[in-house]
């Protein structure tokens, strides 16, 4: 079974931020998708007091897995009543377009309300 949860291994979180050249702050967190001990993907983000900022979602090739990983990170914010979601310059904007999560491109704002609907994945070749 695949699980997508907030990563508790702080050394792994440090390693993921570092290997992706994303600056880690006091607000930095990650969710990881795992099958047993194998990491299938992850999302790096900052959960600030008033907003969540997504920096990286991997893998970008598996649109369904990426959707689930992104939703898991946004869910963590929503559980804390943080409904302002953005993505950084380090993020893959094309992925958010494919997933239908972009609310305002100029502000790099994500539509966190889509968290409460079904997957808006636009499959290529299907």
N, C-alpha and C. Protein backbone atom coordinates (compact mmCIF):
# COMPACT_ATOMS: atom_id res chain seq x y z
N UNK A 1 0.84 -1.18 0.00
CA UNK A 1 0.00 0.00 0.00
C UNK A 1 0.89 1.25 0.00
N UNK A 2 0.51 2.23 -0.78
CA UNK A 2 1.22 3.50 -0.84
C UNK A 2 0.66 4.42 0.25
N UNK A 3 1.57 5.03 1.01
CA UNK A 3 1.17 6.01 2.02
C UNK A 3 1.82 7.34 1.68
N UNK A 4 1.10 8.42 1.93
CA UNK A 4 1.63 9.77 1.75
C UNK A 4 1.42 10.50 3.06
N UNK A 5 2.54 10.75 3.75
CA UNK A 5 2.47 11.35 5.09
C UNK A 5 3.54 12.40 5.27
N UNK A 6 3.33 13.27 6.25
CA UNK A 6 4.35 14.23 6.63
C UNK A 6 5.60 13.45 7.05
N UNK A 7 6.74 13.85 6.50
CA UNK A 7 7.99 13.15 6.79
C UNK A 7 8.48 13.50 8.19
N UNK A 8 8.76 12.47 8.99
CA UNK A 8 9.21 12.66 10.36
C UNK A 8 10.74 12.62 10.48
N UNK A 9 11.41 12.05 9.49
CA UNK A 9 12.87 11.94 9.51
C UNK A 9 13.46 13.29 9.08
N UNK A 10 13.88 14.09 10.06
CA UNK A 10 14.36 15.44 9.79
C UNK A 10 15.65 15.46 8.96
N UNK A 11 16.47 14.43 9.10
CA UNK A 11 17.67 14.34 8.27
C UNK A 11 17.30 14.14 6.81
N UNK A 12 16.29 13.33 6.56
CA UNK A 12 15.82 13.12 5.19
C UNK A 12 15.24 14.42 4.62
N UNK A 13 14.49 15.15 5.42
CA UNK A 13 13.93 16.43 4.98
C UNK A 13 15.07 17.38 4.60
N UNK A 14 16.09 17.47 5.45
CA UNK A 14 17.25 18.31 5.14
C UNK A 14 17.89 17.89 3.82
N UNK A 15 18.05 16.59 3.65
CA UNK A 15 18.69 16.05 2.43
C UNK A 15 17.86 16.38 1.19
N UNK A 16 16.54 16.24 1.28
CA UNK A 16 15.67 16.53 0.13
C UNK A 16 15.73 18.01 -0.26
N UNK A 17 15.70 18.88 0.74
CA UNK A 17 15.80 20.32 0.45
C UNK A 17 17.16 20.63 -0.18
N UNK A 18 18.20 20.10 0.40
CA UNK A 18 19.55 20.35 -0.09
C UNK A 18 19.75 19.82 -1.52
N UNK A 19 19.33 18.60 -1.77
CA UNK A 19 19.54 17.99 -3.09
C UNK A 19 18.71 18.66 -4.18
N UNK A 20 17.69 19.41 -3.79
CA UNK A 20 16.86 20.14 -4.75
C UNK A 20 17.21 21.62 -4.81
N UNK A 21 18.27 22.00 -4.10
CA UNK A 21 18.73 23.40 -4.06
C UNK A 21 17.62 24.36 -3.63
N UNK A 22 16.83 23.92 -2.65
CA UNK A 22 15.76 24.75 -2.09
C UNK A 22 16.19 25.13 -0.67
N UNK A 23 16.15 26.42 -0.39
CA UNK A 23 16.56 26.90 0.93
C UNK A 23 15.56 26.44 1.99
N UNK A 24 16.08 25.84 3.04
CA UNK A 24 15.25 25.37 4.14
C UNK A 24 15.13 26.47 5.19
N UNK A 25 13.92 26.64 5.71
CA UNK A 25 13.65 27.64 6.74
C UNK A 25 13.06 26.94 7.97
N UNK A 26 12.74 27.72 8.97
CA UNK A 26 12.10 27.16 10.16
C UNK A 26 10.71 26.60 9.85
N UNK A 27 10.13 26.98 8.72
CA UNK A 27 8.78 26.54 8.33
C UNK A 27 8.79 25.36 7.37
N UNK A 28 9.97 24.90 6.98
CA UNK A 28 10.09 23.87 5.95
C UNK A 28 9.67 22.49 6.43
N UNK A 29 8.88 21.83 5.59
CA UNK A 29 8.39 20.48 5.84
C UNK A 29 8.39 19.71 4.52
N UNK A 30 8.13 18.42 4.64
CA UNK A 30 8.00 17.58 3.45
C UNK A 30 6.96 16.51 3.71
N UNK A 31 6.30 16.09 2.65
CA UNK A 31 5.50 14.87 2.69
C UNK A 31 6.19 13.90 1.73
N UNK A 32 6.17 12.63 2.09
CA UNK A 32 6.75 11.61 1.24
C UNK A 32 5.71 10.54 0.94
N UNK A 33 5.77 10.06 -0.30
CA UNK A 33 4.94 8.93 -0.70
C UNK A 33 5.84 7.70 -0.64
N UNK A 34 5.39 6.69 0.07
CA UNK A 34 6.20 5.49 0.26
C UNK A 34 5.41 4.22 -0.04
N UNK A 35 6.14 3.25 -0.55
CA UNK A 35 5.65 1.88 -0.65
C UNK A 35 6.63 1.07 0.16
N UNK A 36 6.20 0.62 1.34
CA UNK A 36 7.10 0.02 2.32
C UNK A 36 8.18 1.05 2.66
N UNK A 37 9.45 0.73 2.44
CA UNK A 37 10.53 1.66 2.75
C UNK A 37 10.96 2.47 1.54
N UNK A 38 10.41 2.17 0.37
CA UNK A 38 10.80 2.85 -0.86
C UNK A 38 10.07 4.20 -0.99
N UNK A 39 10.84 5.26 -1.21
CA UNK A 39 10.25 6.58 -1.42
C UNK A 39 9.89 6.71 -2.90
N UNK A 40 8.60 6.90 -3.16
CA UNK A 40 8.10 7.02 -4.53
C UNK A 40 8.05 8.47 -5.00
N UNK A 41 7.96 9.40 -4.06
CA UNK A 41 7.88 10.81 -4.40
C UNK A 41 7.78 11.66 -3.15
N UNK A 42 7.75 12.97 -3.36
CA UNK A 42 7.72 13.88 -2.21
C UNK A 42 7.27 15.27 -2.64
N UNK A 43 6.94 16.07 -1.64
CA UNK A 43 6.62 17.48 -1.82
C UNK A 43 7.38 18.25 -0.75
N UNK A 44 8.11 19.27 -1.19
CA UNK A 44 8.83 20.15 -0.28
C UNK A 44 8.05 21.46 -0.19
N UNK A 45 7.82 21.94 1.02
CA UNK A 45 7.02 23.15 1.19
C UNK A 45 7.35 23.85 2.49
N UNK A 46 6.94 25.11 2.55
CA UNK A 46 7.02 25.89 3.79
C UNK A 46 5.60 26.11 4.27
N UNK A 47 5.35 25.76 5.51
CA UNK A 47 4.05 25.98 6.13
C UNK A 47 4.20 27.14 7.09
N UNK A 48 3.95 28.33 6.57
CA UNK A 48 4.07 29.56 7.35
C UNK A 48 2.77 29.80 8.11
N UNK A 49 2.76 30.74 9.05
CA UNK A 49 1.54 30.97 9.83
C UNK A 49 0.30 31.33 9.00
N UNK A 50 0.48 32.01 7.88
CA UNK A 50 -0.67 32.47 7.09
C UNK A 50 -0.77 31.84 5.70
N UNK A 51 0.25 31.03 5.31
CA UNK A 51 0.22 30.47 3.96
C UNK A 51 1.13 29.26 3.85
N UNK A 52 0.87 28.47 2.80
CA UNK A 52 1.74 27.37 2.43
C UNK A 52 2.38 27.73 1.09
N UNK A 53 3.67 27.45 0.97
CA UNK A 53 4.39 27.70 -0.27
C UNK A 53 5.01 26.38 -0.73
N UNK A 54 4.56 25.90 -1.87
CA UNK A 54 5.06 24.64 -2.43
C UNK A 54 6.31 24.94 -3.25
N UNK A 55 7.38 24.19 -2.97
CA UNK A 55 8.64 24.38 -3.69
C UNK A 55 8.90 23.30 -4.73
N UNK A 56 8.53 22.08 -4.42
CA UNK A 56 8.89 20.98 -5.31
C UNK A 56 7.93 19.83 -5.10
N UNK A 57 7.47 19.24 -6.20
CA UNK A 57 6.68 18.00 -6.16
C UNK A 57 7.38 17.03 -7.10
N UNK A 58 7.65 15.86 -6.62
CA UNK A 58 8.25 14.79 -7.43
C UNK A 58 7.49 13.51 -7.18
N UNK A 59 7.26 12.69 -8.16
CA UNK A 59 7.70 12.81 -9.54
C UNK A 59 6.71 13.61 -10.35
N UNK A 60 7.19 14.33 -11.33
CA UNK A 60 6.28 15.10 -12.18
C UNK A 60 5.75 14.27 -13.35
N UNK A 61 6.41 13.13 -13.63
CA UNK A 61 5.98 12.28 -14.74
C UNK A 61 4.73 11.46 -14.40
N UNK A 62 4.55 11.12 -13.14
CA UNK A 62 3.40 10.33 -12.70
C UNK A 62 2.35 11.31 -12.16
N UNK A 63 1.48 11.75 -13.06
CA UNK A 63 0.52 12.83 -12.74
C UNK A 63 -0.41 12.45 -11.59
N UNK A 64 -0.83 11.21 -11.53
CA UNK A 64 -1.74 10.79 -10.45
C UNK A 64 -1.04 10.79 -9.09
N UNK A 65 0.19 10.30 -9.06
CA UNK A 65 0.95 10.31 -7.81
C UNK A 65 1.27 11.75 -7.40
N UNK A 66 1.66 12.58 -8.36
CA UNK A 66 1.95 13.99 -8.06
C UNK A 66 0.72 14.67 -7.49
N UNK A 67 -0.45 14.38 -8.05
CA UNK A 67 -1.70 14.97 -7.55
C UNK A 67 -1.93 14.57 -6.09
N UNK A 68 -1.75 13.31 -5.78
CA UNK A 68 -1.95 12.85 -4.40
C UNK A 68 -0.96 13.45 -3.42
N UNK A 69 0.29 13.59 -3.86
CA UNK A 69 1.32 14.17 -3.00
C UNK A 69 1.02 15.65 -2.75
N UNK A 70 0.67 16.39 -3.81
CA UNK A 70 0.32 17.81 -3.65
C UNK A 70 -0.88 17.97 -2.73
N UNK A 71 -1.91 17.17 -2.93
CA UNK A 71 -3.10 17.25 -2.09
C UNK A 71 -2.77 16.96 -0.62
N UNK A 72 -1.85 16.05 -0.39
CA UNK A 72 -1.46 15.73 0.99
C UNK A 72 -0.81 16.94 1.67
N UNK A 73 0.06 17.64 0.94
CA UNK A 73 0.70 18.83 1.50
C UNK A 73 -0.34 19.92 1.75
N UNK A 74 -1.22 20.15 0.79
CA UNK A 74 -2.27 21.16 0.96
C UNK A 74 -3.21 20.80 2.10
N UNK A 75 -3.45 19.51 2.29
CA UNK A 75 -4.32 19.06 3.38
C UNK A 75 -3.73 19.42 4.74
N UNK A 76 -2.41 19.30 4.87
CA UNK A 76 -1.75 19.69 6.12
C UNK A 76 -2.03 21.16 6.43
N UNK A 77 -1.96 22.00 5.41
CA UNK A 77 -2.26 23.43 5.60
C UNK A 77 -3.73 23.63 5.97
N UNK A 78 -4.62 22.99 5.23
CA UNK A 78 -6.06 23.16 5.47
C UNK A 78 -6.45 22.70 6.88
N UNK A 79 -5.81 21.66 7.37
CA UNK A 79 -6.09 21.19 8.74
C UNK A 79 -5.77 22.25 9.77
N UNK A 80 -4.87 23.17 9.43
CA UNK A 80 -4.48 24.26 10.33
C UNK A 80 -5.18 25.56 9.96
N UNK A 81 -6.22 25.45 9.14
CA UNK A 81 -7.01 26.60 8.66
C UNK A 81 -6.17 27.59 7.86
N UNK A 82 -5.14 27.10 7.20
CA UNK A 82 -4.33 27.93 6.30
C UNK A 82 -4.83 27.66 4.89
N UNK A 83 -5.50 28.65 4.32
CA UNK A 83 -6.13 28.46 3.02
C UNK A 83 -5.48 29.28 1.91
N UNK A 84 -4.37 29.93 2.20
CA UNK A 84 -3.62 30.66 1.19
C UNK A 84 -2.48 29.77 0.73
N UNK A 85 -2.50 29.39 -0.55
CA UNK A 85 -1.50 28.48 -1.09
C UNK A 85 -0.81 29.11 -2.29
N UNK A 86 0.51 28.99 -2.30
CA UNK A 86 1.33 29.56 -3.37
C UNK A 86 2.39 28.55 -3.78
N UNK A 87 3.05 28.82 -4.89
CA UNK A 87 4.21 28.02 -5.28
C UNK A 87 5.37 28.95 -5.57
N UNK A 88 6.56 28.47 -5.28
CA UNK A 88 7.77 29.29 -5.43
C UNK A 88 8.29 29.20 -6.86
N UNK A 89 9.29 30.00 -7.15
CA UNK A 89 9.93 29.98 -8.46
C UNK A 89 10.61 28.64 -8.72
N UNK A 90 10.95 27.92 -7.67
CA UNK A 90 11.61 26.61 -7.81
C UNK A 90 10.64 25.52 -8.26
N UNK A 91 9.35 25.77 -8.11
CA UNK A 91 8.33 24.76 -8.43
C UNK A 91 8.13 24.63 -9.93
N UNK A 92 7.60 23.49 -10.34
CA UNK A 92 7.30 23.22 -11.74
C UNK A 92 5.87 23.71 -12.05
N UNK A 93 5.78 24.92 -12.56
CA UNK A 93 4.47 25.53 -12.84
C UNK A 93 3.65 24.68 -13.81
N UNK A 94 4.31 24.04 -14.75
CA UNK A 94 3.61 23.21 -15.74
C UNK A 94 2.83 22.08 -15.06
N UNK A 95 3.41 21.52 -14.00
CA UNK A 95 2.72 20.47 -13.26
C UNK A 95 1.41 20.99 -12.67
N UNK A 96 1.46 22.17 -12.06
CA UNK A 96 0.26 22.73 -11.45
C UNK A 96 -0.80 23.06 -12.51
N UNK A 97 -0.35 23.46 -13.70
CA UNK A 97 -1.28 23.69 -14.81
C UNK A 97 -1.97 22.38 -15.20
N UNK A 98 -1.18 21.31 -15.35
CA UNK A 98 -1.74 20.00 -15.71
C UNK A 98 -2.73 19.51 -14.67
N UNK A 99 -2.43 19.78 -13.40
CA UNK A 99 -3.30 19.33 -12.32
C UNK A 99 -4.50 20.24 -12.12
N UNK A 100 -4.50 21.41 -12.76
CA UNK A 100 -5.62 22.34 -12.64
C UNK A 100 -5.65 23.08 -11.32
N UNK A 101 -4.49 23.26 -10.68
CA UNK A 101 -4.45 23.89 -9.36
C UNK A 101 -4.09 25.37 -9.38
N UNK A 102 -3.77 25.94 -10.53
CA UNK A 102 -3.38 27.35 -10.55
C UNK A 102 -4.61 28.23 -10.50
N UNK A 103 -4.62 29.12 -9.52
CA UNK A 103 -5.72 30.07 -9.35
C UNK A 103 -5.35 31.41 -9.96
N UNK A 104 -4.12 31.87 -9.71
CA UNK A 104 -3.65 33.15 -10.22
C UNK A 104 -2.17 33.00 -10.58
N UNK A 105 -1.91 32.90 -11.87
CA UNK A 105 -0.54 32.64 -12.33
C UNK A 105 0.43 33.77 -11.97
N UNK A 106 0.02 35.02 -12.10
CA UNK A 106 0.91 36.15 -11.83
C UNK A 106 1.37 36.17 -10.37
N UNK A 107 0.49 35.76 -9.46
CA UNK A 107 0.83 35.72 -8.02
C UNK A 107 1.42 34.37 -7.61
N UNK A 108 1.45 33.41 -8.54
CA UNK A 108 1.85 32.03 -8.26
C UNK A 108 0.96 31.46 -7.13
N UNK A 109 -0.34 31.73 -7.24
CA UNK A 109 -1.31 31.29 -6.22
C UNK A 109 -1.97 29.99 -6.69
N UNK A 110 -2.07 29.05 -5.77
CA UNK A 110 -2.75 27.78 -6.02
C UNK A 110 -4.17 27.84 -5.48
N UNK A 111 -5.05 27.10 -6.11
CA UNK A 111 -6.45 27.03 -5.69
C UNK A 111 -6.61 25.89 -4.69
N UNK A 112 -6.44 26.19 -3.41
CA UNK A 112 -6.52 25.17 -2.37
C UNK A 112 -7.93 24.60 -2.25
N UNK A 113 -8.94 25.33 -2.73
CA UNK A 113 -10.32 24.82 -2.69
C UNK A 113 -10.47 23.56 -3.55
N UNK A 114 -9.59 23.38 -4.55
CA UNK A 114 -9.64 22.16 -5.37
C UNK A 114 -9.30 20.92 -4.55
N UNK A 115 -8.73 21.15 -3.39
CA UNK A 115 -8.43 20.04 -2.49
C UNK A 115 -9.70 19.28 -2.14
N UNK A 116 -10.81 19.97 -2.13
CA UNK A 116 -12.07 19.38 -1.70
C UNK A 116 -12.89 18.81 -2.85
N UNK A 117 -12.31 18.78 -4.05
CA UNK A 117 -12.96 18.19 -5.21
C UNK A 117 -12.16 17.01 -5.69
N UNK A 118 -12.57 16.46 -6.80
CA UNK A 118 -11.87 15.30 -7.37
C UNK A 118 -10.61 15.72 -8.09
N UNK A 119 -9.85 14.73 -8.47
CA UNK A 119 -8.62 14.95 -9.23
C UNK A 119 -8.94 15.62 -10.55
N UNK A 120 -8.26 16.71 -10.85
CA UNK A 120 -8.45 17.41 -12.11
C UNK A 120 -7.33 17.09 -13.08
N UNK A 121 -6.71 15.95 -12.90
CA UNK A 121 -5.55 15.57 -13.72
C UNK A 121 -5.92 15.52 -15.19
N UNK A 122 -5.09 16.11 -15.99
CA UNK A 122 -5.26 16.04 -17.43
C UNK A 122 -4.23 15.07 -17.96
N UNK A 123 -4.69 13.89 -18.27
CA UNK A 123 -3.77 12.85 -18.75
C UNK A 123 -3.33 13.15 -20.17
N UNK A 124 -2.04 12.92 -20.39
CA UNK A 124 -1.53 13.00 -21.75
C UNK A 124 -1.77 11.62 -22.35
N UNK A 125 -2.16 11.51 -23.57
CA UNK A 125 -2.41 10.22 -24.23
C UNK A 125 -3.56 9.47 -23.57
N UNK A 126 -4.54 10.11 -23.08
CA UNK A 126 -5.58 9.31 -22.48
C UNK A 126 -6.68 10.13 -22.04
